[in-house]
């Protein structure tokens, strides 16, 4: 899952989390993230995930930069800043929520107890 944080513009401070790709950013209502700030085109940028790598593809007439360097296509990493017109967006990974392990831990302790009791029973039967 990726997380995009809008750093400036009308939606500054907004945090978007997504796991569906391609993730499109632009002015059009069909985009995954709609930005209506100055310099943002209808379908300005697409974020794609291929082989656990995230790449950017800028629209044909749009202008974007990654960490201050102009780009048309390129890889994006955690913490990179993408500039689309007048908007800056920070790319990152969303925090993962750890699942509870209480059931597995209880099952493990139950299995260990059963093994120990089984060993005690075998020793008792052999001692007779």
Protein backbone atom coordinates (compact mmCIF):
# COMPACT_ATOMS: atom_id res chain seq x y z
CA UNK A 1 0.00 0.00 0.00
CA UNK A 2 1.23 3.44 -0.87
CA UNK A 3 0.61 6.70 0.91
CA UNK A 4 0.62 10.09 -0.77
CA UNK A 5 0.79 13.25 1.34
CA UNK A 6 -0.07 16.51 -0.41
CA UNK A 7 2.43 19.09 0.80
CA UNK A 8 0.95 22.30 -0.67
CA UNK A 9 -1.99 23.58 -2.68
CA UNK A 10 -5.71 23.45 -1.97
CA UNK A 11 -5.58 19.96 -0.46
CA UNK A 12 -2.41 20.49 1.61
CA UNK A 13 -2.10 18.01 4.46
CA UNK A 14 -4.36 15.43 2.83
CA UNK A 15 -3.14 11.85 3.16
CA UNK A 16 -4.24 9.29 0.56
CA UNK A 17 -3.67 5.55 1.00
CA UNK A 18 -4.15 3.19 -1.92
CA UNK A 19 -3.30 -0.33 -2.95
CA UNK A 20 -4.86 -0.39 -6.41
CA UNK A 21 -2.78 0.31 -9.49
CA UNK A 22 -2.39 2.11 -11.79
CA UNK A 23 -3.03 5.06 -9.50
CA UNK A 24 -3.74 8.17 -11.57
CA UNK A 25 -3.38 11.79 -10.50
CA UNK A 26 -4.94 14.65 -12.43
CA UNK A 27 -7.78 17.09 -12.87
CA UNK A 28 -10.25 14.61 -14.45
CA UNK A 29 -12.96 13.13 -12.23
CA UNK A 30 -11.94 9.61 -13.34
CA UNK A 31 -8.51 9.96 -11.66
CA UNK A 32 -7.74 8.21 -8.39
CA UNK A 33 -6.58 11.53 -6.91
CA UNK A 34 -8.27 14.64 -8.28
CA UNK A 35 -6.26 17.87 -8.00
CA UNK A 36 -7.61 21.11 -9.45
CA UNK A 37 -4.59 23.29 -8.71
CA UNK A 38 -2.76 25.41 -11.31
CA UNK A 39 -0.64 23.46 -13.78
CA UNK A 40 -2.32 20.08 -13.20
CA UNK A 41 -3.53 18.37 -16.39
CA UNK A 42 -6.53 16.06 -16.82
CA UNK A 43 -4.47 12.88 -16.45
CA UNK A 44 -1.16 14.25 -15.28
CA UNK A 45 0.60 11.22 -13.80
CA UNK A 46 0.20 7.47 -13.29
CA UNK A 47 1.84 5.43 -10.54
CA UNK A 48 2.27 1.76 -11.42
CA UNK A 49 3.55 -1.22 -9.46
CA UNK A 50 5.56 -3.81 -11.38
CA UNK A 51 7.64 -6.50 -9.66
CA UNK A 52 7.48 -4.71 -6.28
CA UNK A 53 8.85 -1.49 -7.81
CA UNK A 54 6.85 1.69 -8.22
CA UNK A 55 7.21 3.72 -11.38
CA UNK A 56 5.86 7.03 -12.59
CA UNK A 57 4.57 7.77 -16.08
CA UNK A 58 3.84 11.40 -16.90
CA UNK A 59 1.08 12.25 -19.39
CA UNK A 60 2.10 13.24 -22.93
CA UNK A 61 1.73 17.02 -22.53
CA UNK A 62 2.19 17.23 -18.76
CA UNK A 63 5.30 18.34 -16.90
CA UNK A 64 6.41 16.74 -13.62
CA UNK A 65 9.55 16.42 -11.56
CA UNK A 66 10.85 13.96 -9.02
CA UNK A 67 12.96 15.46 -6.23
CA UNK A 68 13.48 18.56 -8.35
CA UNK A 69 14.62 16.66 -11.48
CA UNK A 70 12.31 16.72 -14.55
CA UNK A 71 11.02 13.33 -15.65
CA UNK A 72 8.75 11.53 -18.10
CA UNK A 73 9.14 8.06 -16.58
CA UNK A 74 11.10 6.83 -13.61
CA UNK A 75 11.20 4.84 -10.41
CA UNK A 76 9.88 6.34 -7.21
CA UNK A 77 11.01 5.44 -3.70
CA UNK A 78 9.80 6.02 -0.18
CA UNK A 79 10.11 9.70 0.74
CA UNK A 80 10.44 11.05 -2.81
CA UNK A 81 8.69 14.35 -3.61
CA UNK A 82 6.73 14.54 -6.86
CA UNK A 83 5.90 17.96 -8.32
CA UNK A 84 2.82 18.24 -10.56
CA UNK A 85 2.30 21.79 -11.72
CA UNK A 86 2.09 23.85 -8.53
CA UNK A 87 1.44 20.86 -6.24
CA UNK A 88 4.04 18.85 -4.32
CA UNK A 89 3.20 15.32 -3.21
CA UNK A 90 5.34 13.09 -0.99
CA UNK A 91 5.34 9.40 -1.97
CA UNK A 92 5.67 6.79 0.77
CA UNK A 93 4.48 3.48 2.09
CA UNK A 94 1.54 3.34 4.43
CA UNK A 95 2.15 2.05 7.96
CA UNK A 96 1.30 -1.62 8.29
CA UNK A 97 -0.97 -2.81 11.04
CA UNK A 98 0.26 -5.90 12.85
CA UNK A 99 -2.31 -8.61 13.26
CA UNK A 100 -2.95 -10.08 16.69
CA UNK A 101 -1.04 -13.27 17.43
CA UNK A 102 -2.88 -14.27 20.61
CA UNK A 103 -4.61 -17.29 19.05
CA UNK A 104 -1.37 -18.66 17.56
CA UNK A 105 0.50 -18.14 20.81
CA UNK A 106 -2.22 -19.94 22.81
CA UNK A 107 -2.20 -22.79 20.30
CA UNK A 108 1.59 -23.11 20.59
CA UNK A 109 1.47 -23.24 24.40
CA UNK A 110 -1.33 -25.82 24.24
CA UNK A 111 0.75 -27.99 21.88
CA UNK A 112 3.82 -27.72 24.16
CA UNK A 113 1.73 -28.67 27.18
CA UNK A 114 0.33 -31.69 25.32
CA UNK A 115 3.84 -32.83 24.32
CA UNK A 116 5.10 -32.48 27.92
CA UNK A 117 2.13 -34.40 29.31
CA UNK A 118 2.67 -37.06 26.66
CA UNK A 119 6.31 -37.43 27.70
CA UNK A 120 5.33 -37.70 31.38
CA UNK A 121 2.78 -40.37 30.49
CA UNK A 122 5.37 -42.37 28.49
CA UNK A 123 7.90 -42.16 31.34
CA UNK A 124 5.25 -43.26 33.84
CA UNK A 125 4.25 -46.25 31.63
CA UNK A 126 7.89 -47.30 31.10
CA UNK A 127 8.67 -47.01 34.81
CA UNK A 128 6.02 -49.58 35.73
